[in-house]
C-alpha atoms as a PDB file:
ATOM      1  CA  MET A   1     123.765 -56.419-158.686  1.00  0.00           C
ATOM      2  CA  LYS A   2     126.184 -53.471-159.357  1.00  0.00           C
ATOM      3  CA  SER A   3     128.500 -54.952-156.515  1.00  0.00           C
ATOM      4  CA  VAL A   4     128.527 -58.177-158.219  1.00  0.00           C
ATOM      5  CA  ARG A   5     129.133 -56.329-161.563  1.00  0.00           C
ATOM      6  CA  ILE A   6     132.200 -54.574-160.142  1.00  0.00           C
ATOM      7  CA  ALA A   7     133.625 -57.687-158.681  1.00  0.00           C
ATOM      8  CA  LEU A   8     133.095 -59.486-161.869  1.00  0.00           C
ATOM      9  CA  VAL A   9     135.155 -56.761-163.625  1.00  0.00           C
ATOM     10  CA  LEU A  10     138.072 -56.791-161.048  1.00  0.00           C
ATOM     11  CA  VAL A  11     138.241 -60.432-161.256  1.00  0.00           C
ATOM     12  CA  LEU A  12     138.562 -60.118-165.089  1.00  0.00           C
ATOM     13  CA  GLY A  13     141.087 -57.940-164.996  1.00  0.00           C
ATOM     14  CA  LEU A  14     142.986 -59.458-162.536  1.00  0.00           C
ATOM     15  CA  VAL A  15     142.885 -62.533-164.996  1.00  0.00           C
ATOM     16  CA  LEU A  16     143.957 -60.556-167.874  1.00  0.00           C
ATOM     17  CA  ILE A  17     147.058 -58.869-166.086  1.00  0.00           C
ATOM     18  CA  GLY A  18     148.054 -62.343-164.641  1.00  0.00           C
ATOM     19  CA  GLY A  19     148.179 -63.653-168.221  1.00  0.00           C
ATOM     20  CA  VAL A  20     150.317 -60.955-169.232  1.00  0.00           C
ATOM     21  CA  PHE A  21     152.774 -61.398-166.347  1.00  0.00           C
ATOM     22  CA  SER A  22     153.253 -64.854-166.852  1.00  0.00           C
ATOM     23  CA  GLY A  23     153.388 -65.138-170.459  1.00  0.00           C
ATOM     24  CA  GLY A  24     153.304 -61.541-172.142  1.00  0.00           C
ATOM     25  CA  GLY A  25     150.003 -61.720-173.238  1.00  0.00           C
ATOM     26  CA  ARG A  26     150.320 -65.042-175.273  1.00  0.00           C
ATOM     27  CA  ASP A  27     147.539 -67.697-174.640  1.00  0.00           C
ATOM     28  CA  SER A  28     149.052 -71.212-174.304  1.00  0.00           C
ATOM     29  CA  GLY A  29     145.860 -72.874-175.018  1.00  0.00           C
ATOM     30  CA  SER A  30     145.570 -71.147-178.528  1.00  0.00           C
ATOM     31  CA  GLY A  31     149.041 -72.157-179.944  1.00  0.00           C
ATOM     32  CA  GLY A  32     151.057 -69.345-178.477  1.00  0.00           C
ATOM     33  CA  LEU A  33     148.678 -66.461-180.145  1.00  0.00           C
ATOM     34  CA  THR A  34     149.143 -63.218-178.411  1.00  0.00           C
ATOM     35  CA  ARG A  35     145.635 -62.391-177.132  1.00  0.00           C
ATOM     36  CA  ALA A  36     144.205 -59.015-176.486  1.00  0.00           C
ATOM     37  CA  THR A  37     140.507 -57.765-175.772  1.00  0.00           C
ATOM     38  CA  ILE A  38     139.125 -54.513-177.472  1.00  0.00           C
ATOM     39  CA  CYS A  39     136.775 -52.885-174.978  1.00  0.00           C
ATOM     40  CA  GLY A  40     134.150 -50.445-175.630  1.00  0.00           C
ATOM     41  CA  THR A  41     130.796 -49.148-173.874  1.00  0.00           C
ATOM     42  CA  ASN A  42     128.393 -48.637-176.663  1.00  0.00           C
ATOM     43  CA  GLY A  43     125.949 -51.301-177.911  1.00  0.00           C
ATOM     44  CA  PRO A  44     126.150 -53.949-180.705  1.00  0.00           C
ATOM     45  CA  GLY A  45     125.354 -52.731-184.086  1.00  0.00           C
ATOM     46  CA  ASP A  46     126.815 -49.345-183.003  1.00  0.00           C
ATOM     47  CA  THR A  47     129.405 -47.677-185.888  1.00  0.00           C
ATOM     48  CA  GLN A  48     132.305 -47.652-183.280  1.00  0.00           C
ATOM     49  CA  SER A  49     131.315 -51.689-182.098  1.00  0.00           C
ATOM     50  CA  MET A  50     131.571 -52.377-185.624  1.00  0.00           C
ATOM     51  CA  GLY A  51     135.048 -51.026-186.230  1.00  0.00           C
ATOM     52  CA  HIS A  52     136.238 -52.820-183.028  1.00  0.00           C
ATOM     53  CA  GLU A  53     134.840 -56.028-184.425  1.00  0.00           C
ATOM     54  CA  GLU A  54     136.779 -55.171-187.832  1.00  0.00           C
ATOM     55  CA  LEU A  55     140.051 -54.427-185.745  1.00  0.00           C
ATOM     56  CA  ALA A  56     139.845 -57.924-184.170  1.00  0.00           C
ATOM     57  CA  ARG A  57     138.863 -59.589-187.561  1.00  0.00           C
ATOM     58  CA  ARG A  58     141.911 -57.972-189.395  1.00  0.00           C
ATOM     59  CA  LEU A  59     144.670 -58.661-186.654  1.00  0.00           C
ATOM     60  CA  ASN A  60     143.282 -62.479-186.304  1.00  0.00           C
ATOM     61  CA  ALA A  61     143.806 -62.983-190.014  1.00  0.00           C
ATOM     62  CA  MET A  62     147.276 -62.192-189.988  1.00  0.00           C
ATOM     63  CA  GLY A  63     147.756 -65.094-187.645  1.00  0.00           C
ATOM     64  CA  GLY A  64     149.692 -64.926-184.595  1.00  0.00           C
ATOM     65  CA  TRP A  65     146.816 -63.005-182.700  1.00  0.00           C
ATOM     66  CA  ASN A  66     143.881 -63.965-180.807  1.00  0.00           C
ATOM     67  CA  VAL A  67     141.761 -60.649-180.475  1.00  0.00           C
ATOM     68  CA  ILE A  68     138.231 -60.602-179.198  1.00  0.00           C
ATOM     69  CA  ALA A  69     136.074 -57.559-179.105  1.00  0.00           C
ATOM     70  CA  MET A  70     133.473 -56.756-176.178  1.00  0.00           C
ATOM     71  CA  VAL A  71     130.719 -54.242-176.377  1.00  0.00           C
ATOM     72  CA  SER A  72     128.079 -52.394-173.995  1.00  0.00           C
ATOM     73  CA  SER A  73     130.354 -51.762-171.318  1.00  0.00           C
ATOM     74  CA  GLU A  74     130.902 -55.861-170.608  1.00  0.00           C
ATOM     75  CA  MET A  75     134.865 -55.251-169.503  1.00  0.00           C
ATOM     76  CA  GLY A  76     133.863 -52.405-167.180  1.00  0.00           C
ATOM     77  CA  SER A  77     133.878 -48.439-167.631  1.00  0.00           C
ATOM     78  CA  THR A  78     136.098 -46.901-169.998  1.00  0.00           C
ATOM     79  CA  ASP A  79     137.887 -45.541-167.220  1.00  0.00           C
ATOM     80  CA  ASP A  80     138.288 -48.929-165.665  1.00  0.00           C
ATOM     81  CA  VAL A  81     139.677 -50.372-168.876  1.00  0.00           C
ATOM     82  CA  THR A  82     142.338 -47.898-169.501  1.00  0.00           C
ATOM     83  CA  GLU A  83     143.409 -48.429-165.517  1.00  0.00           C
ATOM     84  CA  GLN A  84     143.615 -52.258-166.465  1.00  0.00           C
ATOM     85  CA  ALA A  85     145.624 -51.175-169.660  1.00  0.00           C
ATOM     86  CA  ILE A  86     148.012 -49.074-167.645  1.00  0.00           C
ATOM     87  CA  ASN A  87     148.492 -51.826-165.057  1.00  0.00           C
ATOM     88  CA  GLY A  88     149.701 -54.368-167.815  1.00  0.00           C
ATOM     89  CA  ALA A  89     146.502 -56.350-169.045  1.00  0.00           C
ATOM     90  CA  PRO A  90     146.200 -57.241-172.783  1.00  0.00           C
ATOM     91  CA  VAL A  91     143.199 -55.076-173.521  1.00  0.00           C
ATOM     92  CA  ILE A  92     142.604 -51.978-175.987  1.00  0.00           C
ATOM     93  CA  ALA A  93     140.582 -49.194-174.617  1.00  0.00           C
ATOM     94  CA  ALA A  94     138.324 -47.029-176.538  1.00  0.00           C
ATOM     95  CA  THR A  95     138.816 -43.881-174.841  1.00  0.00           C
ATOM     96  CA  ASP A  96     138.574 -40.297-175.727  1.00  0.00           C
ATOM     97  CA  PRO A  97     140.454 -37.028-175.612  1.00  0.00           C
ATOM     98  CA  ALA A  98     138.826 -35.469-172.788  1.00  0.00           C
ATOM     99  CA  ARG A  99     139.598 -38.556-170.526  1.00  0.00           C
ATOM    100  CA  LEU A 100     143.293 -38.776-171.758  1.00  0.00           C
ATOM    101  CA  ALA A 101     143.461 -35.357-170.475  1.00  0.00           C
ATOM    102  CA  VAL A 102     143.676 -36.781-166.764  1.00  0.00           C
ATOM    103  CA  TYR A 103     146.963 -37.610-167.839  1.00  0.00           C
ATOM    104  CA  VAL A 104     148.161 -35.414-170.602  1.00  0.00           C
ATOM    105  CA  PRO A 105     145.898 -31.724-170.187  1.00  0.00           C
ATOM    106  CA  ASP A 106     147.043 -30.664-173.801  1.00  0.00           C
ATOM    107  CA  ILE A 107     145.333 -33.324-175.890  1.00  0.00           C
ATOM    108  CA  GLY A 108     141.832 -32.673-174.230  1.00  0.00           C
ATOM    109  CA  ILE A 109     141.449 -29.400-176.497  1.00  0.00           C
ATOM    110  CA  LEU A 110     140.214 -32.150-179.287  1.00  0.00           C
ATOM    111  CA  MET A 111     137.388 -32.626-177.250  1.00  0.00           C
ATOM    112  CA  MET A 112     136.343 -28.862-176.566  1.00  0.00           C
ATOM    113  CA  PRO A 113     133.081 -27.638-177.758  1.00  0.00           C
ATOM    114  CA  TYR A 114     132.555 -26.447-181.023  1.00  0.00           C
ATOM    115  CA  LEU A 115     136.660 -26.705-181.763  1.00  0.00           C
ATOM    116  CA  PHE A 116     135.556 -28.049-185.485  1.00  0.00           C
ATOM    117  CA  SER A 117     132.869 -27.493-188.094  1.00  0.00           C
ATOM    118  CA  ASP A 118     133.548 -30.519-190.200  1.00  0.00           C
ATOM    119  CA  TYR A 119     134.709 -33.888-190.165  1.00  0.00           C
ATOM    120  CA  SER A 120     137.450 -33.308-192.867  1.00  0.00           C
ATOM    121  CA  GLN A 121     139.052 -30.673-190.424  1.00  0.00           C
ATOM    122  CA  ILE A 122     140.675 -33.528-188.910  1.00  0.00           C
ATOM    123  CA  ASP A 123     141.919 -35.401-191.556  1.00  0.00           C
ATOM    124  CA  GLY A 124     145.630 -34.776-191.102  1.00  0.00           C
ATOM    125  CA  LEU A 125     145.496 -34.389-187.221  1.00  0.00           C
ATOM    126  CA  MET A 126     147.723 -37.621-186.728  1.00  0.00           C
ATOM    127  CA  ASP A 127     150.475 -35.897-188.789  1.00  0.00           C
ATOM    128  CA  THR A 128     150.785 -32.708-186.949  1.00  0.00           C
ATOM    129  CA  PRO A 129     153.618 -32.376-184.253  1.00  0.00           C
ATOM    130  CA  LEU A 130     151.230 -31.557-181.775  1.00  0.00           C
ATOM    131  CA  TYR A 131     150.028 -34.943-182.114  1.00  0.00           C
ATOM    132  CA  ARG A 132     153.452 -36.563-182.051  1.00  0.00           C
ATOM    133  CA  GLU A 133     154.212 -34.721-178.979  1.00  0.00           C
ATOM    134  CA  TRP A 134     151.111 -36.007-177.253  1.00  0.00           C
ATOM    135  CA  VAL A 135     151.946 -39.320-178.187  1.00  0.00           C
ATOM    136  CA  GLY A 136     155.263 -39.436-176.705  1.00  0.00           C
ATOM    137  CA  MET A 137     153.980 -37.682-173.599  1.00  0.00           C
ATOM    138  CA  LEU A 138     150.826 -40.180-173.008  1.00  0.00           C
ATOM    139  CA  ARG A 139     153.752 -42.945-173.511  1.00  0.00           C
ATOM    140  CA  ARG A 140     155.466 -41.505-170.531  1.00  0.00           C
ATOM    141  CA  GLU A 141     152.268 -42.168-168.505  1.00  0.00           C
ATOM    142  CA  GLY A 142     152.137 -45.686-169.466  1.00  0.00           C
ATOM    143  CA  ILE A 143     149.781 -45.193-172.294  1.00  0.00           C
ATOM    144  CA  GLU A 144     150.307 -46.311-175.906  1.00  0.00           C
ATOM    145  CA  LEU A 145     147.894 -44.293-178.167  1.00  0.00           C
ATOM    146  CA  LEU A 146     147.389 -46.147-180.897  1.00  0.00           C
ATOM    147  CA  THR A 147     145.016 -43.651-183.120  1.00  0.00           C
ATOM    148  CA  ASN A 148     142.834 -41.166-182.557  1.00  0.00           C
ATOM    149  CA  ASN A 149     141.216 -41.442-186.032  1.00  0.00           C
ATOM    150  CA  SER A 150     138.174 -43.275-184.798  1.00  0.00           C
ATOM    151  CA  LEU A 151     135.069 -41.052-185.278  1.00  0.00           C
ATOM    152  CA  THR A 152     131.986 -41.907-183.606  1.00  0.00           C
ATOM    153  CA  GLY A 153     130.361 -38.551-184.494  1.00  0.00           C
ATOM    154  CA  TRP A 154     128.629 -35.118-183.555  1.00  0.00           C
ATOM    155  CA  ARG A 155     127.154 -35.605-179.814  1.00  0.00           C
ATOM    156  CA  ASN A 156     123.606 -33.898-179.732  1.00  0.00           C
ATOM    157  CA  TRP A 157     121.165 -33.381-177.110  1.00  0.00           C
ATOM    158  CA  LEU A 158     118.832 -35.991-176.333  1.00  0.00           C
ATOM    159  CA  THR A 159     115.728 -35.518-174.057  1.00  0.00           C
ATOM    160  CA  ASN A 160     112.150 -36.839-173.076  1.00  0.00           C
ATOM    161  CA  ARG A 161     111.229 -32.916-172.384  1.00  0.00           C
ATOM    162  CA  GLY A 162     110.368 -31.546-176.015  1.00  0.00           C
ATOM    163  CA  PRO A 163     112.855 -30.050-178.262  1.00  0.00           C
ATOM    164  CA  ILE A 164     116.357 -27.924-177.402  1.00  0.00           C
ATOM    165  CA  ARG A 165     116.555 -25.023-179.574  1.00  0.00           C
ATOM    166  CA  ASN A 166     118.773 -22.656-177.386  1.00  0.00           C
ATOM    167  CA  PRO A 167     120.642 -22.730-173.973  1.00  0.00           C
ATOM    168  CA  SER A 168     117.534 -21.631-172.260  1.00  0.00           C
ATOM    169  CA  ASP A 169     115.505 -24.714-173.311  1.00  0.00           C
ATOM    170  CA  LEU A 170     118.181 -26.653-171.354  1.00  0.00           C
ATOM    171  CA  ASN A 171     117.611 -24.826-167.964  1.00  0.00           C
ATOM    172  CA  GLY A 172     116.954 -27.176-165.174  1.00  0.00           C
ATOM    173  CA  LEU A 173     117.290 -30.190-167.004  1.00  0.00           C
ATOM    174  CA  ARG A 174     119.577 -32.992-165.658  1.00  0.00           C
ATOM    175  CA  ILE A 175     121.665 -34.268-168.695  1.00  0.00           C
ATOM    176  CA  ARG A 176     123.979 -37.163-168.537  1.00  0.00           C
ATOM    177  CA  THR A 177     127.316 -36.858-169.550  1.00  0.00           C
ATOM    178  CA  MET A 178     130.940 -38.072-169.429  1.00  0.00           C
ATOM    179  CA  GLY A 179     132.512 -37.958-165.879  1.00  0.00           C
ATOM    180  CA  ASN A 180     135.481 -35.227-167.142  1.00  0.00           C
ATOM    181  CA  PRO A 181     135.895 -31.652-166.578  1.00  0.00           C
ATOM    182  CA  ILE A 182     135.389 -30.743-170.327  1.00  0.00           C
ATOM    183  CA  ALA A 183     132.076 -32.634-170.589  1.00  0.00           C
ATOM    184  CA  ILE A 184     130.916 -31.551-167.267  1.00  0.00           C
ATOM    185  CA  ASN A 185     131.811 -27.842-167.680  1.00  0.00           C
ATOM    186  CA  SER A 186     130.521 -27.483-171.501  1.00  0.00           C
ATOM    187  CA  VAL A 187     127.156 -28.949-170.415  1.00  0.00           C
ATOM    188  CA  GLU A 188     126.667 -26.946-167.669  1.00  0.00           C
ATOM    189  CA  SER A 189     127.897 -23.758-169.823  1.00  0.00           C
ATOM    190  CA  MET A 190     125.419 -24.339-172.027  1.00  0.00           C
ATOM    191  CA  GLY A 191     122.598 -24.281-169.685  1.00  0.00           C
ATOM    192  CA  ALA A 192     121.624 -27.836-167.938  1.00  0.00           C
ATOM    193  CA  VAL A 193     122.557 -29.745-164.907  1.00  0.00           C
ATOM    194  CA  PRO A 194     125.334 -31.980-166.034  1.00  0.00           C
ATOM    195  CA  ILE A 195     124.836 -35.295-164.225  1.00  0.00           C
ATOM    196  CA  ALA A 196     128.103 -37.637-164.592  1.00  0.00           C
ATOM    197  CA  MET A 197     127.366 -41.185-165.046  1.00  0.00           C
ATOM    198  CA  ALA A 198     128.375 -44.623-166.754  1.00  0.00           C
ATOM    199  CA  GLN A 199     127.009 -45.096-170.015  1.00  0.00           C
ATOM    200  CA  ASP A 200     125.438 -48.453-169.259  1.00  0.00           C
ATOM    201  CA  GLN A 201     123.455 -46.794-166.201  1.00  0.00           C
ATOM    202  CA  ALA A 202     121.678 -43.997-168.416  1.00  0.00           C
ATOM    203  CA  TYR A 203     118.736 -45.807-170.296  1.00  0.00           C
ATOM    204  CA  HIS A 204     117.556 -46.753-166.719  1.00  0.00           C
ATOM    205  CA  ALA A 205     118.565 -43.197-165.109  1.00  0.00           C
ATOM    206  CA  ILE A 206     116.140 -41.527-168.113  1.00  0.00           C
ATOM    207  CA  ALA A 207     113.437 -44.367-167.625  1.00  0.00           C
ATOM    208  CA  THR A 208     113.368 -43.683-164.086  1.00  0.00           C
ATOM    209  CA  GLY A 209     113.391 -39.862-164.062  1.00  0.00           C
ATOM    210  CA  VAL A 210     117.035 -39.614-162.348  1.00  0.00           C
ATOM    211  CA  VAL A 211     117.820 -37.521-165.385  1.00  0.00           C
ATOM    212  CA  GLU A 212     115.777 -35.927-168.077  1.00  0.00           C
ATOM    213  CA  GLY A 213     118.205 -37.183-170.957  1.00  0.00           C
ATOM    214  CA  GLY A 214     122.042 -36.797-172.106  1.00  0.00           C
ATOM    215  CA  GLU A 215     124.189 -35.971-174.877  1.00  0.00           C
ATOM    216  CA  TRP A 216     125.310 -38.729-177.490  1.00  0.00           C
ATOM    217  CA  GLN A 217     126.398 -39.068-180.762  1.00  0.00           C
ATOM    218  CA  ILE A 218     123.490 -40.790-183.173  1.00  0.00           C
ATOM    219  CA  PRO A 219     124.674 -44.011-183.560  1.00  0.00           C
ATOM    220  CA  THR A 220     125.193 -44.454-179.723  1.00  0.00           C
ATOM    221  CA  ILE A 221     121.292 -43.471-179.245  1.00  0.00           C
ATOM    222  CA  TYR A 222     120.493 -45.741-181.783  1.00  0.00           C
ATOM    223  CA  SER A 223     122.615 -48.995-180.576  1.00  0.00           C
ATOM    224  CA  LEU A 224     121.634 -48.543-177.027  1.00  0.00           C
ATOM    225  CA  ARG A 225     117.657 -47.837-177.788  1.00  0.00           C
ATOM    226  CA  LEU A 226     117.828 -44.495-175.698  1.00  0.00           C
ATOM    227  CA  TYR A 227     114.919 -43.437-178.048  1.00  0.00           C
ATOM    228  CA  GLU A 228     112.651 -45.576-176.214  1.00  0.00           C
ATOM    229  CA  VAL A 229     113.135 -43.499-172.952  1.00  0.00           C
ATOM    230  CA  ALA A 230     113.619 -40.207-174.534  1.00  0.00           C
ATOM    231  CA  ASN A 231     112.160 -39.061-177.837  1.00  0.00           C
ATOM    232  CA  HIS A 232     113.679 -35.355-178.839  1.00  0.00           C
ATOM    233  CA  ILE A 233     116.874 -35.066-180.368  1.00  0.00           C
ATOM    234  CA  SER A 234     118.283 -31.704-180.900  1.00  0.00           C
ATOM    235  CA  LEU A 235     121.278 -31.765-183.806  1.00  0.00           C
ATOM    236  CA  SER A 236     123.444 -29.172-181.514  1.00  0.00           C
ATOM    237  CA  ARG A 237     126.781 -31.064-182.696  1.00  0.00           C
ATOM    238  CA  HIS A 238     128.562 -29.449-179.897  1.00  0.00           C
ATOM    239  CA  PHE A 239     131.224 -31.931-179.308  1.00  0.00           C
ATOM    240  CA  LEU A 240     132.682 -33.945-182.157  1.00  0.00           C
ATOM    241  CA  LEU A 241     133.814 -37.169-180.505  1.00  0.00           C
ATOM    242  CA  MET A 242     137.171 -38.889-181.849  1.00  0.00           C
ATOM    243  CA  VAL A 243     137.849 -42.237-179.973  1.00  0.00           C
ATOM    244  CA  SER A 244     141.302 -43.049-179.024  1.00  0.00           C
ATOM    245  CA  LEU A 245     142.416 -46.292-179.044  1.00  0.00           C
ATOM    246  CA  VAL A 246     144.779 -47.097-176.466  1.00  0.00           C
ATOM    247  CA  ALA A 247     146.842 -49.938-175.032  1.00  0.00           C
ATOM    248  CA  GLY A 248     149.064 -49.846-172.193  1.00  0.00           C
ATOM    249  CA  THR A 249     153.054 -49.935-172.463  1.00  0.00           C
ATOM    250  CA  ARG A 250     153.104 -52.513-170.101  1.00  0.00           C
ATOM    251  CA  TRP A 251     151.638 -54.971-172.302  1.00  0.00           C
ATOM    252  CA  PHE A 252     152.629 -53.253-175.849  1.00  0.00           C
ATOM    253  CA  ASP A 253     156.218 -53.634-175.174  1.00  0.00           C
ATOM    254  CA  THR A 254     156.212 -57.064-174.565  1.00  0.00           C
ATOM    255  CA  LEU A 255     155.201 -57.350-178.307  1.00  0.00           C
ATOM    256  CA  SER A 256     157.778 -58.539-181.110  1.00  0.00           C
ATOM    257  CA  PRO A 257     158.489 -55.591-183.259  1.00  0.00           C
ATOM    258  CA  VAL A 258     156.502 -57.045-186.143  1.00  0.00           C
ATOM    259  CA  GLN A 259     153.583 -57.259-183.930  1.00  0.00           C
ATOM    260  CA  GLN A 260     153.720 -53.507-182.603  1.00  0.00           C
ATOM    261  CA  THR A 261     153.825 -52.435-186.132  1.00  0.00           C
ATOM    262  CA  GLN A 262     150.943 -54.783-187.048  1.00  0.00           C
ATOM    263  CA  LEU A 263     149.105 -53.378-184.369  1.00  0.00           C
ATOM    264  CA  ARG A 264     149.451 -49.772-184.693  1.00  0.00           C
ATOM    265  CA  ASN A 265     149.060 -49.754-188.766  1.00  0.00           C
ATOM    266  CA  THR A 266     145.855 -52.150-188.718  1.00  0.00           C
ATOM    267  CA  THR A 267     144.270 -49.912-185.935  1.00  0.00           C
ATOM    268  CA  VAL A 268     144.984 -46.584-187.851  1.00  0.00           C
ATOM    269  CA  GLU A 269     143.767 -48.501-191.242  1.00  0.00           C
ATOM    270  CA  THR A 270     140.786 -49.723-189.916  1.00  0.00           C
ATOM    271  CA  PHE A 271     139.279 -46.686-188.109  1.00  0.00           C
ATOM    272  CA  ARG A 272     140.155 -44.577-191.385  1.00  0.00           C
ATOM    273  CA  ASP A 273     138.137 -47.053-193.240  1.00  0.00           C
ATOM    274  CA  ASN A 274     135.380 -47.110-190.510  1.00  0.00           C
ATOM    275  CA  GLN A 275     134.849 -43.355-191.018  1.00  0.00           C
ATOM    276  CA  ALA A 276     132.772 -43.556-194.045  1.00  0.00           C
ATOM    277  CA  ILE A 277     130.549 -46.020-191.860  1.00  0.00           C
ATOM    278  CA  VAL A 278     130.197 -43.622-189.134  1.00  0.00           C
ATOM    279  CA  VAL A 279     128.752 -40.876-191.593  1.00  0.00           C
ATOM    280  CA  GLU A 280     126.679 -43.337-193.619  1.00  0.00           C
ATOM    281  CA  TYR A 281     124.925 -44.795-190.606  1.00  0.00           C
ATOM    282  CA  GLU A 282     124.858 -41.396-188.577  1.00  0.00           C
ATOM    283  CA  GLN A 283     122.146 -40.613-191.338  1.00  0.00           C
ATOM    284  CA  ARG A 284     120.676 -43.869-191.646  1.00  0.00           C
ATOM    285  CA  PHE A 285     119.939 -44.368-187.947  1.00  0.00           C
ATOM    286  CA  LEU A 286     118.424 -40.704-187.854  1.00  0.00           C
ATOM    287  CA  ASN A 287     115.841 -41.450-190.493  1.00  0.00           C
ATOM    288  CA  GLU A 288     115.057 -44.618-188.785  1.00  0.00           C
ATOM    289  CA  MET A 289     114.425 -43.164-185.281  1.00  0.00           C
ATOM    290  CA  ARG A 290     112.242 -40.344-186.633  1.00  0.00           C
ATOM    291  CA  THR A 291     110.421 -42.665-189.056  1.00  0.00           C
ATOM    292  CA  ARG A 292     109.955 -45.929-187.011  1.00  0.00           C
ATOM    293  CA  PHE A 293     110.143 -44.891-183.664  1.00  0.00           C
ATOM    294  CA  GLY A 294     108.511 -41.274-183.555  1.00  0.00           C
ATOM    295  CA  VAL A 295     111.724 -39.384-182.681  1.00  0.00           C
ATOM    296  CA  THR A 296     111.242 -35.822-183.279  1.00  0.00           C
ATOM    297  CA  VAL A 297     114.619 -33.981-184.496  1.00  0.00           C
ATOM    298  CA  GLU A 298     115.318 -30.329-184.116  1.00  0.00           C
ATOM    299  CA  GLU A 299     117.568 -29.957-187.294  1.00  0.00           C
ATOM    300  CA  ASN A 300     118.454 -26.467-186.839  1.00  0.00           C
ATOM    301  CA  PRO A 301     119.137 -25.410-183.025  1.00  0.00           C
ATOM    302  CA  ASP A 302     120.564 -22.184-182.478  1.00  0.00           C
ATOM    303  CA  ARG A 303     124.391 -23.405-182.295  1.00  0.00           C
ATOM    304  CA  ARG A 304     125.958 -20.210-182.360  1.00  0.00           C
ATOM    305  CA  ALA A 305     124.021 -19.619-179.024  1.00  0.00           C
ATOM    306  CA  PHE A 306     125.160 -22.617-177.436  1.00  0.00           C
ATOM    307  CA  GLN A 307     129.128 -21.895-178.985  1.00  0.00           C
ATOM    308  CA  GLN A 308     128.831 -18.785-177.228  1.00  0.00           C
ATOM    309  CA  ALA A 309     127.411 -19.895-173.925  1.00  0.00           C
ATOM    310  CA  SER A 310     130.735 -22.337-174.055  1.00  0.00           C
ATOM    311  CA  ALA A 311     133.697 -20.182-175.391  1.00  0.00           C
ATOM    312  CA  HIS A 312     134.802 -19.056-172.293  1.00  0.00           C
ATOM    313  CA  LEU A 313     135.998 -22.661-171.100  1.00  0.00           C
ATOM    314  CA  TYR A 314     138.910 -22.289-173.534  1.00  0.00           C
ATOM    315  CA  ALA A 315     140.167 -19.930-170.909  1.00  0.00           C
ATOM    316  CA  ASP A 316     139.028 -21.592-167.912  1.00  0.00           C
ATOM    317  CA  PRO A 317     141.398 -23.559-166.096  1.00  0.00           C
ATOM    318  CA  ARG A 318     139.297 -25.460-164.148  1.00  0.00           C
ATOM    319  CA  THR A 319     138.164 -27.099-167.530  1.00  0.00           C
ATOM    320  CA  THR A 320     141.719 -27.061-169.482  1.00  0.00           C
ATOM    321  CA  GLY A 321     143.697 -28.296-166.557  1.00  0.00           C
ATOM    322  CA  GLY A 322     145.563 -24.849-166.590  1.00  0.00           C
ATOM    323  CA  VAL A 323     146.633 -25.443-170.278  1.00  0.00           C
ATOM    324  CA  ASP A 324     146.348 -22.090-172.222  1.00  0.00           C
ATOM    325  CA  PHE A 325     143.775 -23.587-174.918  1.00  0.00           C
ATOM    326  CA  GLU A 326     143.323 -20.327-176.688  1.00  0.00           C
ATOM    327  CA  ARG A 327     146.727 -20.289-177.826  1.00  0.00           C
ATOM    328  CA  LEU A 328     146.845 -23.951-178.166  1.00  0.00           C
ATOM    329  CA  ARG A 329     143.693 -24.115-180.445  1.00  0.00           C
ATOM    330  CA  THR A 330     145.745 -21.039-182.854  1.00  0.00           C
ATOM    331  CA  GLU A 331     148.727 -23.350-183.084  1.00  0.00           C
ATOM    332  CA  LEU A 332     146.539 -26.427-183.724  1.00  0.00           C
ATOM    333  CA  PHE A 333     144.474 -24.949-186.296  1.00  0.00           C
ATOM    334  CA  ARG A 334     147.619 -23.475-187.769  1.00  0.00           C
ATOM    335  CA  GLN A 335     149.119 -27.272-188.206  1.00  0.00           C
ATOM    336  CA  LEU A 336     145.919 -28.137-189.757  1.00  0.00           C
ATOM    337  CA  GLY A 337     145.575 -25.421-192.063  1.00  0.00           C
ATOM    338  CA  ILE A 338     142.232 -24.595-190.714  1.00  0.00           C
ATOM    339  CA  THR A 339     140.958 -20.733-191.099  1.00  0.00           C
ATOM    340  CA  PRO A 340     139.310 -19.689-187.820  1.00  0.00           C
END
């Protein structure tokens, strides 16, 4: 089954790329509209998926666009879709700073544990010189960063082995996380055994005992129904997951200047509006999982202990890709007006 799925993803990618090379992403069967697919890994009803669907709606309403949103890893993993974008497919990938650090290590700092303590701290991020520098560096790698203001929320521990209050409670637990050095090393430093795994495999992995849990944001736990196989949530808030919406420059540069502006501006505006939805549904979903599905919630784990356990990673080249994240954090905070 897995091999069939991979084959389908590859075929879809080749079909999309073929459309770009033959017609600049324009769909001759839809009156010459520019077509694109927004690809996400979260389930239907997730706040990120809501944002993708709204972005498609807004672009299509402008005329000249034929955009669809696909959820639940229907187009493959995040990294698969990003590679499709770089290769010229008319896709918009919902990736994140830690994954983009493979191309530009500096931007990975945005995904470091306990960098931020409040959503409002990132309000001015896209106006900073650092951010503009990262945009240019990614462009040289074939990646057009459309926006980085998409929130999916704080990431927290989810396990089937009781509440997690401090790092010692994670000892020996196999925890699913994202497949990048920042996530893997952070989870390990906070006490768990990190298991990198595609998101669409996590439910089955928990149900069959391959892992004892994972770390996710509340809307994703809800939309993927992970509470059915793990019913203990600890609000550790160890990562603030910002989603980086990216396209490939090979496709983006085929768009007219008007459509480039439409795509950039509409993406930024859509996910700025989506932030309030994330905050609202984060609490709504948590309350529903607690009252309707019997999930237990540790509201106040020892976040300071988790922060201290992972603090050394800012100076760990295995995690930072050789970038001095301690110096970079100081400069980022200065540009954002954050007092450490």
